[in-house]
Amino acid sequence: METLTSHWTLYMNVGGFLVGLFSSTLLGAWSDCVGRRPLLVLASLGLLLQTVLSIFVVQLHLHIGYLVLGRILCALLGDFSGLLAASFASVADVSSSRTRTIRMALLEACIGVAGMLASFIGGFLLQEQVYVNPFWLALAVLTVMTLYATFCFGETVKERTPTRLFTLRHHRSVIQLYVTQAPEKSRKHLALYSLAIFVMITVHLGAQDILTLYELSAPLCWDSRLISYGSAAQQLPYLTSLLGLRLLQYCLADTWVAEIGLVFNILGMMVF
């Protein structure tokens, strides 16, 4: 069972990655021109569509391959990465260089709090082995989020430029970001930061799936309640890092704070 679960998890992750590699860069650059709201709405609709398809799979006992289809459709509309990109870009739009780091950390802390709540609630709902209940809750939350993004979100891009979505111009702008030299940025540093983020996300997402499979199998054989507690504990670094960042910023530059964070990530993976 663990092997089959890992295979389908791999299929969903690869399908979402291959599609998202094209769509996320396209939609992200497009949002720089037309504003953050369209990307927020599209990404919310994609997650909503994926949740609806998941409900059909669970309720009607459809083939699990439809979950891969839902993942791909979600990736086409921006997926969670598009949602994060629009959210962080909105914070960057309305913050100064002095306050940007701590505001980004506050946004990440919100992700941690939401992850903890979702883990506890999901584990509680799964105690009766009714797997569709968490999806209904997610559907309700995503519906509210989509309506908020559509009608209530305050646009942060002040000078919007109407432009087509499907054009190579958006991907060219991403490439130019790395090949055009500018006085205020170094191409070498930008490439290094991108590589560091890529490696960090790969390690964290990969370890998360492996850790869940390990908890399900022998010798642990955790149930949904214990897995929910473990998932909630994994969100704690979002909150502790916010406090640590605030304290360390008084005596260290942001780059050194990032180095310390990497060291503790390495230590945490060694414990796992």
C-alpha atoms as a PDB file:
ATOM      1  CA  MET A   1       0.000   0.000   0.000  1.00  0.00           C
ATOM      2  CA  GLU A   2       2.828   2.404   0.870  1.00  0.00           C
ATOM      3  CA  THR A   3       4.502   1.669  -2.485  1.00  0.00           C
ATOM      4  CA  LEU A   4       1.286   2.310  -4.404  1.00  0.00           C
ATOM      5  CA  THR A   5       0.686   5.534  -2.478  1.00  0.00           C
ATOM      6  CA  SER A   6       4.216   6.761  -3.207  1.00  0.00           C
ATOM      7  CA  HIS A   7       3.788   5.990  -6.920  1.00  0.00           C
ATOM      8  CA  TRP A   8       0.555   7.994  -7.264  1.00  0.00           C
ATOM      9  CA  THR A   9       2.022  10.806  -5.168  1.00  0.00           C
ATOM     10  CA  LEU A  10       4.940  10.875  -7.591  1.00  0.00           C
ATOM     11  CA  TYR A  11       2.598  10.983 -10.590  1.00  0.00           C
ATOM     12  CA  MET A  12       0.655  13.918  -9.135  1.00  0.00           C
ATOM     13  CA  ASN A  13       3.803  15.826  -8.185  1.00  0.00           C
ATOM     14  CA  VAL A  14       5.483  15.301 -11.565  1.00  0.00           C
ATOM     15  CA  GLY A  15       2.311  16.180 -13.484  1.00  0.00           C
ATOM     16  CA  GLY A  16       1.804  19.339 -11.451  1.00  0.00           C
ATOM     17  CA  PHE A  17       5.469  20.308 -11.757  1.00  0.00           C
ATOM     18  CA  LEU A  18       5.715  19.916 -15.531  1.00  0.00           C
ATOM     19  CA  VAL A  19       2.571  21.934 -16.156  1.00  0.00           C
ATOM     20  CA  GLY A  20       3.293  24.465 -13.416  1.00  0.00           C
ATOM     21  CA  LEU A  21       6.792  25.112 -14.734  1.00  0.00           C
ATOM     22  CA  PHE A  22       5.187  26.708 -17.787  1.00  0.00           C
ATOM     23  CA  SER A  23       2.013  28.189 -16.293  1.00  0.00           C
ATOM     24  CA  SER A  24       3.463  29.659 -13.077  1.00  0.00           C
ATOM     25  CA  THR A  25       6.186  31.611 -14.870  1.00  0.00           C
ATOM     26  CA  LEU A  26       3.661  32.768 -17.460  1.00  0.00           C
ATOM     27  CA  LEU A  27       1.055  33.884 -14.922  1.00  0.00           C
ATOM     28  CA  GLY A  28       3.631  35.406 -12.565  1.00  0.00           C
ATOM     29  CA  ALA A  29       5.104  37.679 -15.229  1.00  0.00           C
ATOM     30  CA  TRP A  30       1.583  38.450 -16.495  1.00  0.00           C
ATOM     31  CA  SER A  31       0.551  39.614 -13.017  1.00  0.00           C
ATOM     32  CA  ASP A  32       3.403  42.157 -13.033  1.00  0.00           C
ATOM     33  CA  CYS A  33       1.530  43.883 -15.879  1.00  0.00           C
ATOM     34  CA  VAL A  34      -2.167  43.373 -15.128  1.00  0.00           C
ATOM     35  CA  GLY A  35      -2.051  43.195 -11.311  1.00  0.00           C
ATOM     36  CA  ARG A  36      -2.104  40.582  -8.575  1.00  0.00           C
ATOM     37  CA  ARG A  37      -5.874  40.088  -8.375  1.00  0.00           C
ATOM     38  CA  PRO A  38      -6.234  38.108 -11.654  1.00  0.00           C
ATOM     39  CA  LEU A  39      -3.551  35.635 -10.548  1.00  0.00           C
ATOM     40  CA  LEU A  40      -5.127  35.275  -7.107  1.00  0.00           C
ATOM     41  CA  VAL A  41      -8.512  34.567  -8.677  1.00  0.00           C
ATOM     42  CA  LEU A  42      -7.127  32.042 -11.184  1.00  0.00           C
ATOM     43  CA  ALA A  43      -5.054  30.197  -8.576  1.00  0.00           C
ATOM     44  CA  SER A  44      -8.028  30.076  -6.179  1.00  0.00           C
ATOM     45  CA  LEU A  45     -10.275  28.726  -8.943  1.00  0.00           C
ATOM     46  CA  GLY A  46      -7.671  26.074  -9.788  1.00  0.00           C
ATOM     47  CA  LEU A  47      -7.504  24.854  -6.193  1.00  0.00           C
ATOM     48  CA  LEU A  48     -11.306  24.945  -6.046  1.00  0.00           C
ATOM     49  CA  LEU A  49     -11.550  22.835  -9.198  1.00  0.00           C
ATOM     50  CA  GLN A  50      -9.067  20.313  -7.848  1.00  0.00           C
ATOM     51  CA  THR A  51     -11.059  19.999  -4.610  1.00  0.00           C
ATOM     52  CA  VAL A  52     -14.336  19.465  -6.482  1.00  0.00           C
ATOM     53  CA  LEU A  53     -12.747  16.714  -8.577  1.00  0.00           C
ATOM     54  CA  SER A  54     -11.344  15.102  -5.419  1.00  0.00           C
ATOM     55  CA  ILE A  55     -14.845  15.043  -3.901  1.00  0.00           C
ATOM     56  CA  PHE A  56     -16.167  13.264  -6.995  1.00  0.00           C
ATOM     57  CA  VAL A  57     -13.346  10.700  -6.789  1.00  0.00           C
ATOM     58  CA  VAL A  58     -14.023   9.935  -3.114  1.00  0.00           C
ATOM     59  CA  GLN A  59     -17.834  10.020  -3.293  1.00  0.00           C
ATOM     60  CA  LEU A  60     -18.229   8.057  -6.539  1.00  0.00           C
ATOM     61  CA  HIS A  61     -15.193   5.777  -6.018  1.00  0.00           C
ATOM     62  CA  LEU A  62     -13.639   6.872  -9.305  1.00  0.00           C
ATOM     63  CA  HIS A  63     -10.176   5.814 -10.448  1.00  0.00           C
ATOM     64  CA  ILE A  64      -7.401   7.556  -8.549  1.00  0.00           C
ATOM     65  CA  GLY A  65      -5.978   8.737 -11.854  1.00  0.00           C
ATOM     66  CA  TYR A  66      -8.592  11.502 -11.820  1.00  0.00           C
ATOM     67  CA  LEU A  67      -6.659  13.018  -8.891  1.00  0.00           C
ATOM     68  CA  VAL A  68      -3.699  13.411 -11.244  1.00  0.00           C
ATOM     69  CA  LEU A  69      -6.023  15.129 -13.726  1.00  0.00           C
ATOM     70  CA  GLY A  70      -7.198  17.490 -10.992  1.00  0.00           C
ATOM     71  CA  ARG A  71      -3.594  18.256 -10.068  1.00  0.00           C
ATOM     72  CA  ILE A  72      -2.757  19.114 -13.676  1.00  0.00           C
ATOM     73  CA  LEU A  73      -5.831  21.335 -14.095  1.00  0.00           C
ATOM     74  CA  CYS A  74      -4.927  23.137 -10.882  1.00  0.00           C
ATOM     75  CA  ALA A  75      -1.343  23.641 -12.095  1.00  0.00           C
ATOM     76  CA  LEU A  76      -2.652  25.149 -15.345  1.00  0.00           C
ATOM     77  CA  LEU A  77      -4.334  27.932 -13.356  1.00  0.00           C
ATOM     78  CA  GLY A  78      -1.330  28.695 -11.161  1.00  0.00           C
ATOM     79  CA  ASP A  79      -1.680  26.162  -8.341  1.00  0.00           C
ATOM     80  CA  PHE A  80      -0.520  26.928  -4.800  1.00  0.00           C
ATOM     81  CA  SER A  81       2.740  28.368  -6.153  1.00  0.00           C
ATOM     82  CA  GLY A  82       0.786  31.004  -8.077  1.00  0.00           C
ATOM     83  CA  LEU A  83      -1.178  31.827  -4.957  1.00  0.00           C
ATOM     84  CA  LEU A  84       2.024  32.266  -2.976  1.00  0.00           C
ATOM     85  CA  ALA A  85       3.631  34.291  -5.761  1.00  0.00           C
ATOM     86  CA  ALA A  86       0.710  36.718  -5.890  1.00  0.00           C
ATOM     87  CA  SER A  87       0.582  37.006  -2.098  1.00  0.00           C
ATOM     88  CA  PHE A  88       4.303  37.636  -1.608  1.00  0.00           C
ATOM     89  CA  ALA A  89       4.402  39.988  -4.601  1.00  0.00           C
ATOM     90  CA  SER A  90       1.511  41.966  -3.088  1.00  0.00           C
ATOM     91  CA  VAL A  91       3.472  42.361   0.138  1.00  0.00           C
ATOM     92  CA  ALA A  92       6.539  43.453  -1.822  1.00  0.00           C
ATOM     93  CA  ASP A  93       4.433  46.006  -3.727  1.00  0.00           C
ATOM     94  CA  VAL A  94       3.345  47.817  -0.568  1.00  0.00           C
ATOM     95  CA  SER A  95       6.473  47.500   1.611  1.00  0.00           C
ATOM     96  CA  SER A  96       9.821  49.237   1.756  1.00  0.00           C
ATOM     97  CA  SER A  97      13.198  47.488   1.688  1.00  0.00           C
ATOM     98  CA  ARG A  98      13.482  48.089   5.444  1.00  0.00           C
ATOM     99  CA  THR A  99      10.213  46.360   6.400  1.00  0.00           C
ATOM    100  CA  ARG A 100       9.945  43.826   3.567  1.00  0.00           C
ATOM    101  CA  THR A 101      11.764  40.950   5.269  1.00  0.00           C
ATOM    102  CA  ILE A 102       9.672  40.993   8.447  1.00  0.00           C
ATOM    103  CA  ARG A 103       6.447  41.366   6.445  1.00  0.00           C
ATOM    104  CA  MET A 104       7.396  38.324   4.376  1.00  0.00           C
ATOM    105  CA  ALA A 105       8.085  36.445   7.610  1.00  0.00           C
ATOM    106  CA  LEU A 106       4.647  37.443   8.946  1.00  0.00           C
ATOM    107  CA  LEU A 107       3.047  36.082   5.783  1.00  0.00           C
ATOM    108  CA  GLU A 108       4.927  32.809   6.210  1.00  0.00           C
ATOM    109  CA  ALA A 109       3.811  32.683   9.855  1.00  0.00           C
ATOM    110  CA  CYS A 110       0.211  32.895   8.615  1.00  0.00           C
ATOM    111  CA  ILE A 111       0.930  29.852   6.428  1.00  0.00           C
ATOM    112  CA  GLY A 112       2.212  28.018   9.507  1.00  0.00           C
ATOM    113  CA  VAL A 113      -0.829  28.868  11.635  1.00  0.00           C
ATOM    114  CA  ALA A 114      -3.178  27.836   8.830  1.00  0.00           C
ATOM    115  CA  GLY A 115      -1.227  24.590   8.359  1.00  0.00           C
ATOM    116  CA  MET A 116      -1.510  23.752  12.044  1.00  0.00           C
ATOM    117  CA  LEU A 117      -5.249  24.396  12.089  1.00  0.00           C
ATOM    118  CA  ALA A 118      -5.746  22.374   8.913  1.00  0.00           C
ATOM    119  CA  SER A 119      -3.780  19.441  10.344  1.00  0.00           C
ATOM    120  CA  PHE A 120      -5.753  19.355  13.609  1.00  0.00           C
ATOM    121  CA  ILE A 121      -9.140  19.763  11.908  1.00  0.00           C
ATOM    122  CA  GLY A 122      -8.280  17.247   9.183  1.00  0.00           C
ATOM    123  CA  GLY A 123      -7.192  14.645  11.729  1.00  0.00           C
ATOM    124  CA  PHE A 124     -10.376  15.180  13.742  1.00  0.00           C
ATOM    125  CA  LEU A 125     -12.576  14.804  10.651  1.00  0.00           C
ATOM    126  CA  LEU A 126     -10.759  11.653   9.523  1.00  0.00           C
ATOM    127  CA  GLN A 127     -11.223   9.826  12.830  1.00  0.00           C
ATOM    128  CA  GLU A 128     -14.459   8.306  11.522  1.00  0.00           C
ATOM    129  CA  GLN A 129     -12.706   7.237   8.289  1.00  0.00           C
ATOM    130  CA  VAL A 130     -14.972   9.539   6.256  1.00  0.00           C
ATOM    131  CA  TYR A 131     -12.383  10.814   3.824  1.00  0.00           C
ATOM    132  CA  VAL A 132     -14.678  13.222   2.002  1.00  0.00           C
ATOM    133  CA  ASN A 133     -15.281  15.503   5.006  1.00  0.00           C
ATOM    134  CA  PRO A 134     -11.941  17.387   4.813  1.00  0.00           C
ATOM    135  CA  PHE A 135     -12.599  18.028   1.127  1.00  0.00           C
ATOM    136  CA  TRP A 136     -15.988  19.592   1.893  1.00  0.00           C
ATOM    137  CA  LEU A 137     -14.318  21.874   4.435  1.00  0.00           C
ATOM    138  CA  ALA A 138     -11.615  22.787   1.908  1.00  0.00           C
ATOM    139  CA  LEU A 139     -14.320  23.494  -0.679  1.00  0.00           C
ATOM    140  CA  ALA A 140     -16.054  25.922   1.683  1.00  0.00           C
ATOM    141  CA  VAL A 141     -12.806  27.727   2.553  1.00  0.00           C
ATOM    142  CA  LEU A 142     -11.700  27.952  -1.081  1.00  0.00           C
ATOM    143  CA  THR A 143     -15.098  29.301  -2.118  1.00  0.00           C
ATOM    144  CA  VAL A 144     -14.783  32.116   0.426  1.00  0.00           C
ATOM    145  CA  MET A 145     -11.194  32.758  -0.661  1.00  0.00           C
ATOM    146  CA  THR A 146     -12.172  32.942  -4.346  1.00  0.00           C
ATOM    147  CA  LEU A 147     -14.983  35.388  -3.596  1.00  0.00           C
ATOM    148  CA  TYR A 148     -12.652  37.513  -1.482  1.00  0.00           C
ATOM    149  CA  ALA A 149      -9.979  37.582  -4.201  1.00  0.00           C
ATOM    150  CA  THR A 150     -12.585  38.535  -6.795  1.00  0.00           C
ATOM    151  CA  PHE A 151     -14.533  41.236  -4.990  1.00  0.00           C
ATOM    152  CA  CYS A 152     -12.624  42.399  -1.874  1.00  0.00           C
ATOM    153  CA  PHE A 153      -8.878  42.202  -2.551  1.00  0.00           C
ATOM    154  CA  GLY A 154      -7.228  45.611  -2.886  1.00  0.00           C
ATOM    155  CA  GLU A 155      -5.022  45.693  -5.964  1.00  0.00           C
ATOM    156  CA  THR A 156      -1.393  46.531  -5.092  1.00  0.00           C
ATOM    157  CA  VAL A 157      -0.061  47.181  -8.612  1.00  0.00           C
ATOM    158  CA  LYS A 158      -0.862  50.850  -9.151  1.00  0.00           C
ATOM    159  CA  GLU A 159       0.271  51.231 -12.768  1.00  0.00           C
ATOM    160  CA  ARG A 160      -1.341  48.329 -14.607  1.00  0.00           C
ATOM    161  CA  THR A 161      -0.665  47.651 -18.285  1.00  0.00           C
ATOM    162  CA  PRO A 162      -3.264  45.606 -20.207  1.00  0.00           C
ATOM    163  CA  THR A 163      -1.495  42.804 -22.045  1.00  0.00           C
ATOM    164  CA  ARG A 164      -2.258  39.436 -23.582  1.00  0.00           C
ATOM    165  CA  LEU A 165      -1.848  36.354 -21.452  1.00  0.00           C
ATOM    166  CA  PHE A 166      -0.594  33.919 -24.087  1.00  0.00           C
ATOM    167  CA  THR A 167       2.499  35.612 -25.436  1.00  0.00           C
ATOM    168  CA  LEU A 168       6.202  34.765 -25.323  1.00  0.00           C
ATOM    169  CA  ARG A 169       6.871  38.203 -23.870  1.00  0.00           C
ATOM    170  CA  HIS A 170       6.168  36.984 -20.341  1.00  0.00           C
ATOM    171  CA  HIS A 171       8.652  34.119 -20.523  1.00  0.00           C
ATOM    172  CA  ARG A 172      11.225  36.407 -22.149  1.00  0.00           C
ATOM    173  CA  SER A 173      10.897  38.774 -19.186  1.00  0.00           C
ATOM    174  CA  VAL A 174      11.739  35.899 -16.823  1.00  0.00           C
ATOM    175  CA  ILE A 175      14.827  35.014 -18.891  1.00  0.00           C
ATOM    176  CA  GLN A 176      15.917  38.656 -19.047  1.00  0.00           C
ATOM    177  CA  LEU A 177      15.780  38.797 -15.270  1.00  0.00           C
ATOM    178  CA  TYR A 178      18.752  36.413 -15.206  1.00  0.00           C
ATOM    179  CA  VAL A 179      20.718  37.572 -18.275  1.00  0.00           C
ATOM    180  CA  THR A 180      20.425  41.373 -18.087  1.00  0.00           C
ATOM    181  CA  GLN A 181      23.061  43.002 -15.917  1.00  0.00           C
ATOM    182  CA  ALA A 182      21.913  45.875 -13.700  1.00  0.00           C
ATOM    183  CA  PRO A 183      23.808  47.989 -11.155  1.00  0.00           C
ATOM    184  CA  GLU A 184      21.510  47.050  -8.283  1.00  0.00           C
ATOM    185  CA  LYS A 185      21.638  43.284  -8.777  1.00  0.00           C
ATOM    186  CA  SER A 186      24.146  40.584  -9.592  1.00  0.00           C
ATOM    187  CA  ARG A 187      23.219  37.783 -11.992  1.00  0.00           C
ATOM    188  CA  LYS A 188      25.443  35.420 -10.044  1.00  0.00           C
ATOM    189  CA  HIS A 189      23.683  36.160  -6.755  1.00  0.00           C
ATOM    190  CA  LEU A 190      20.234  35.946  -8.323  1.00  0.00           C
ATOM    191  CA  ALA A 191      21.032  32.531  -9.832  1.00  0.00           C
ATOM    192  CA  LEU A 192      22.447  31.365  -6.480  1.00  0.00           C
ATOM    193  CA  TYR A 193      19.342  32.504  -4.570  1.00  0.00           C
ATOM    194  CA  SER A 194      17.087  30.747  -7.081  1.00  0.00           C
ATOM    195  CA  LEU A 195      19.107  27.540  -6.785  1.00  0.00           C
ATOM    196  CA  ALA A 196      18.963  27.717  -2.978  1.00  0.00           C
ATOM    197  CA  ILE A 197      15.170  28.125  -3.004  1.00  0.00           C
ATOM    198  CA  PHE A 198      14.818  25.271  -5.512  1.00  0.00           C
ATOM    199  CA  VAL A 199      16.891  22.910  -3.367  1.00  0.00           C
ATOM    200  CA  MET A 200      15.093  23.912  -0.147  1.00  0.00           C
ATOM    201  CA  ILE A 201      11.615  23.388  -1.575  1.00  0.00           C
ATOM    202  CA  THR A 202      12.645  20.084  -3.195  1.00  0.00           C
ATOM    203  CA  VAL A 203      14.024  18.790   0.096  1.00  0.00           C
ATOM    204  CA  HIS A 204      11.094  19.970   2.220  1.00  0.00           C
ATOM    205  CA  LEU A 205       8.305  18.742  -0.069  1.00  0.00           C
ATOM    206  CA  GLY A 206      10.087  15.462  -0.740  1.00  0.00           C
ATOM    207  CA  ALA A 207      10.755  14.861   2.944  1.00  0.00           C
ATOM    208  CA  GLN A 208       7.133  15.678   3.821  1.00  0.00           C
ATOM    209  CA  ASP A 209       5.759  12.920   1.569  1.00  0.00           C
ATOM    210  CA  ILE A 210       8.362  10.414   2.757  1.00  0.00           C
ATOM    211  CA  LEU A 211       7.731  11.250   6.415  1.00  0.00           C
ATOM    212  CA  THR A 212       3.976  10.701   6.030  1.00  0.00           C
ATOM    213  CA  LEU A 213       4.564   7.293   4.419  1.00  0.00           C
ATOM    214  CA  TYR A 214       6.988   6.401   7.215  1.00  0.00           C
ATOM    215  CA  GLU A 215       4.400   7.332   9.850  1.00  0.00           C
ATOM    216  CA  LEU A 216       1.768   5.163   8.169  1.00  0.00           C
ATOM    217  CA  SER A 217       3.940   2.049   7.927  1.00  0.00           C
ATOM    218  CA  ALA A 218       5.564  -0.213  10.523  1.00  0.00           C
ATOM    219  CA  PRO A 219       6.906   0.207  13.151  1.00  0.00           C
ATOM    220  CA  LEU A 220       4.901   3.404  13.833  1.00  0.00           C
ATOM    221  CA  CYS A 221       1.552   2.615  12.133  1.00  0.00           C
ATOM    222  CA  TRP A 222       0.114   5.971  13.143  1.00  0.00           C
ATOM    223  CA  ASP A 223      -3.582   6.686  12.720  1.00  0.00           C
ATOM    224  CA  SER A 224      -5.050   9.890  11.273  1.00  0.00           C
ATOM    225  CA  ARG A 225      -5.065  11.605  14.678  1.00  0.00           C
ATOM    226  CA  LEU A 226      -1.341  11.066  15.327  1.00  0.00           C
ATOM    227  CA  ILE A 227      -0.447  12.024  11.755  1.00  0.00           C
ATOM    228  CA  SER A 228      -2.410  15.262  12.175  1.00  0.00           C
ATOM    229  CA  TYR A 229      -0.450  16.046  15.358  1.00  0.00           C
ATOM    230  CA  GLY A 230       2.819  15.335  13.555  1.00  0.00           C
ATOM    231  CA  SER A 231       1.820  17.526  10.602  1.00  0.00           C
ATOM    232  CA  ALA A 232       0.883  20.344  12.969  1.00  0.00           C
ATOM    233  CA  ALA A 233       4.273  20.048  14.693  1.00  0.00           C
ATOM    234  CA  GLN A 234       5.972  20.430  11.298  1.00  0.00           C
ATOM    235  CA  GLN A 235       4.362  23.871  10.966  1.00  0.00           C
ATOM    236  CA  LEU A 236       5.921  25.173  14.195  1.00  0.00           C
ATOM    237  CA  PRO A 237       9.119  26.434  12.476  1.00  0.00           C
ATOM    238  CA  TYR A 238       7.002  29.024  10.653  1.00  0.00           C
ATOM    239  CA  LEU A 239       6.235  30.612  14.024  1.00  0.00           C
ATOM    240  CA  THR A 240       9.600  30.118  15.751  1.00  0.00           C
ATOM    241  CA  SER A 241      11.451  31.440  12.690  1.00  0.00           C
ATOM    242  CA  LEU A 242       9.405  34.643  12.874  1.00  0.00           C
ATOM    243  CA  LEU A 243      10.542  35.219  16.462  1.00  0.00           C
ATOM    244  CA  GLY A 244      14.111  34.228  15.664  1.00  0.00           C
ATOM    245  CA  LEU A 245      14.217  36.500  12.629  1.00  0.00           C
ATOM    246  CA  ARG A 246      12.961  39.461  14.644  1.00  0.00           C
ATOM    247  CA  LEU A 247      15.605  38.936  17.327  1.00  0.00           C
ATOM    248  CA  LEU A 248      18.522  38.192  14.992  1.00  0.00           C
ATOM    249  CA  GLN A 249      17.794  41.201  12.777  1.00  0.00           C
ATOM    250  CA  TYR A 250      18.957  43.458  15.606  1.00  0.00           C
ATOM    251  CA  CYS A 251      22.520  42.156  15.339  1.00  0.00           C
ATOM    252  CA  LEU A 252      22.879  40.355  11.986  1.00  0.00           C
ATOM    253  CA  ALA A 253      22.223  41.038   8.313  1.00  0.00           C
ATOM    254  CA  ASP A 254      19.467  39.104   6.543  1.00  0.00           C
ATOM    255  CA  THR A 255      21.984  36.957   4.643  1.00  0.00           C
ATOM    256  CA  TRP A 256      23.505  35.698   7.910  1.00  0.00           C
ATOM    257  CA  VAL A 257      20.040  34.957   9.282  1.00  0.00           C
ATOM    258  CA  ALA A 258      19.422  32.865   6.174  1.00  0.00           C
ATOM    259  CA  GLU A 259      22.702  30.998   6.741  1.00  0.00           C
ATOM    260  CA  ILE A 260      21.673  30.182  10.311  1.00  0.00           C
ATOM    261  CA  GLY A 261      18.312  28.955   9.026  1.00  0.00           C
ATOM    262  CA  LEU A 262      20.053  26.633   6.563  1.00  0.00           C
ATOM    263  CA  VAL A 263      22.259  25.203   9.318  1.00  0.00           C
ATOM    264  CA  PHE A 264      19.234  24.405  11.491  1.00  0.00           C
ATOM    265  CA  ASN A 265      17.473  22.862   8.499  1.00  0.00           C
ATOM    266  CA  ILE A 266      20.442  20.550   8.047  1.00  0.00           C
ATOM    267  CA  LEU A 267      20.361  19.602  11.730  1.00  0.00           C
ATOM    268  CA  GLY A 268      16.614  18.921  11.533  1.00  0.00           C
ATOM    269  CA  MET A 269      17.073  16.625   8.526  1.00  0.00           C
ATOM    270  CA  MET A 270      19.841  14.771  10.395  1.00  0.00           C
ATOM    271  CA  VAL A 271      17.395  14.145  13.279  1.00  0.00           C
ATOM    272  CA  PHE A 272      14.792  12.800  10.823  1.00  0.00           C
END
